[in-house]
């Protein structure tokens, strides 16, 4: 979630925004299962890669870290 310049401590923070993880209820409403999450994420990664928003090494890293990221989020 980007919060804008009023929350930024530096110009760099103004550009990068902030991160708030979804709670368990929100995750459950968006993804039926871990497999559903991984499939939707794979489609998003492919679209971002094709559009030039991310580079292949970044796509690989996101794919590799996705299962653990999902499990960590639902375990909170």
C-alpha atoms as a PDB file:
ATOM      1  CA  UNK A   1       0.000   0.000   0.000  1.00  0.00           C
ATOM      2  CA  UNK A   2       1.507   3.312  -1.018  1.00  0.00           C
ATOM      3  CA  UNK A   3       0.962   6.003   1.568  1.00  0.00           C
ATOM      4  CA  UNK A   4       2.407   9.029  -0.167  1.00  0.00           C
ATOM      5  CA  UNK A   5       4.909  11.676   0.752  1.00  0.00           C
ATOM      6  CA  UNK A   6       3.305  12.622   4.065  1.00  0.00           C
ATOM      7  CA  UNK A   7       4.552   9.313   5.538  1.00  0.00           C
ATOM      8  CA  UNK A   8       7.982   9.258   3.906  1.00  0.00           C
ATOM      9  CA  UNK A   9      11.059   9.899   5.996  1.00  0.00           C
ATOM     10  CA  UNK A  10      13.201  10.388   2.878  1.00  0.00           C
ATOM     11  CA  UNK A  11      12.731  10.983  -0.868  1.00  0.00           C
ATOM     12  CA  UNK A  12      13.568   7.326  -1.551  1.00  0.00           C
ATOM     13  CA  UNK A  13      10.818   6.140   0.781  1.00  0.00           C
ATOM     14  CA  UNK A  14       8.386   8.374  -1.070  1.00  0.00           C
ATOM     15  CA  UNK A  15       9.122   6.406  -4.246  1.00  0.00           C
ATOM     16  CA  UNK A  16       9.029   2.939  -2.739  1.00  0.00           C
ATOM     17  CA  UNK A  17       5.902   3.094  -0.568  1.00  0.00           C
ATOM     18  CA  UNK A  18       5.212   0.629   2.216  1.00  0.00           C
ATOM     19  CA  UNK A  19       4.059  -2.946   2.622  1.00  0.00           C
ATOM     20  CA  UNK A  20       1.186  -4.278   4.692  1.00  0.00           C
ATOM     21  CA  UNK A  21       0.604  -8.026   4.544  1.00  0.00           C
ATOM     22  CA  UNK A  22      -2.917  -9.343   4.098  1.00  0.00           C
ATOM     23  CA  UNK A  23      -4.561 -10.890   7.119  1.00  0.00           C
ATOM     24  CA  UNK A  24      -5.708 -14.531   7.000  1.00  0.00           C
ATOM     25  CA  UNK A  25      -9.302 -13.612   6.159  1.00  0.00           C
ATOM     26  CA  UNK A  26      -8.255 -11.510   3.167  1.00  0.00           C
ATOM     27  CA  UNK A  27      -5.908 -14.222   1.899  1.00  0.00           C
ATOM     28  CA  UNK A  28      -8.687 -16.807   2.159  1.00  0.00           C
ATOM     29  CA  UNK A  29     -11.046 -14.552   0.200  1.00  0.00           C
ATOM     30  CA  UNK A  30      -8.492 -14.083  -2.597  1.00  0.00           C
ATOM     31  CA  UNK A  31      -6.995 -17.569  -2.870  1.00  0.00           C
ATOM     32  CA  UNK A  32      -8.817 -20.881  -2.430  1.00  0.00           C
ATOM     33  CA  UNK A  33      -5.563 -22.721  -1.687  1.00  0.00           C
ATOM     34  CA  UNK A  34      -1.814 -22.495  -1.912  1.00  0.00           C
ATOM     35  CA  UNK A  35      -2.029 -23.959  -5.415  1.00  0.00           C
ATOM     36  CA  UNK A  36      -4.537 -21.269  -6.420  1.00  0.00           C
ATOM     37  CA  UNK A  37      -2.170 -18.590  -5.073  1.00  0.00           C
ATOM     38  CA  UNK A  38       0.801 -20.048  -6.943  1.00  0.00           C
ATOM     39  CA  UNK A  39      -1.132 -20.260 -10.224  1.00  0.00           C
ATOM     40  CA  UNK A  40      -2.358 -16.667  -9.960  1.00  0.00           C
ATOM     41  CA  UNK A  41       1.089 -15.454  -8.985  1.00  0.00           C
ATOM     42  CA  UNK A  42       2.687 -17.323 -11.897  1.00  0.00           C
ATOM     43  CA  UNK A  43       0.292 -15.601 -14.302  1.00  0.00           C
ATOM     44  CA  UNK A  44       1.081 -12.202 -12.765  1.00  0.00           C
ATOM     45  CA  UNK A  45       4.815 -12.823 -12.899  1.00  0.00           C
ATOM     46  CA  UNK A  46       4.587 -13.840 -16.559  1.00  0.00           C
ATOM     47  CA  UNK A  47       2.565 -10.737 -17.418  1.00  0.00           C
ATOM     48  CA  UNK A  48       5.019  -8.468 -15.584  1.00  0.00           C
ATOM     49  CA  UNK A  49       7.958 -10.138 -17.309  1.00  0.00           C
ATOM     50  CA  UNK A  50       6.392  -9.826 -20.762  1.00  0.00           C
ATOM     51  CA  UNK A  51       5.553  -6.170 -20.127  1.00  0.00           C
ATOM     52  CA  UNK A  52       9.131  -5.447 -19.067  1.00  0.00           C
ATOM     53  CA  UNK A  53       8.293  -4.519 -15.478  1.00  0.00           C
ATOM     54  CA  UNK A  54      10.576  -7.194 -14.042  1.00  0.00           C
ATOM     55  CA  UNK A  55      13.684  -8.975 -15.297  1.00  0.00           C
ATOM     56  CA  UNK A  56      14.057 -12.754 -15.702  1.00  0.00           C
ATOM     57  CA  UNK A  57      16.259 -13.144 -12.589  1.00  0.00           C
ATOM     58  CA  UNK A  58      13.611 -11.319 -10.535  1.00  0.00           C
ATOM     59  CA  UNK A  59      10.867 -13.526 -11.971  1.00  0.00           C
ATOM     60  CA  UNK A  60      12.871 -16.624 -11.049  1.00  0.00           C
ATOM     61  CA  UNK A  61      13.391 -15.346  -7.510  1.00  0.00           C
ATOM     62  CA  UNK A  62       9.694 -14.566  -7.068  1.00  0.00           C
ATOM     63  CA  UNK A  63       8.701 -18.037  -8.312  1.00  0.00           C
ATOM     64  CA  UNK A  64      11.237 -19.706  -6.021  1.00  0.00           C
ATOM     65  CA  UNK A  65      10.176 -17.760  -2.912  1.00  0.00           C
ATOM     66  CA  UNK A  66       6.410 -17.900  -3.531  1.00  0.00           C
ATOM     67  CA  UNK A  67       5.531 -21.148  -1.697  1.00  0.00           C
ATOM     68  CA  UNK A  68       7.312 -20.106   1.490  1.00  0.00           C
ATOM     69  CA  UNK A  69       5.864 -16.597   1.301  1.00  0.00           C
ATOM     70  CA  UNK A  70       2.346 -18.019   1.100  1.00  0.00           C
ATOM     71  CA  UNK A  71       2.890 -20.460   3.978  1.00  0.00           C
ATOM     72  CA  UNK A  72       4.431 -17.726   6.097  1.00  0.00           C
ATOM     73  CA  UNK A  73       1.474 -15.417   5.444  1.00  0.00           C
ATOM     74  CA  UNK A  74      -1.190 -17.960   6.378  1.00  0.00           C
ATOM     75  CA  UNK A  75       0.755 -19.058   9.477  1.00  0.00           C
ATOM     76  CA  UNK A  76       0.598 -15.598  11.066  1.00  0.00           C
END
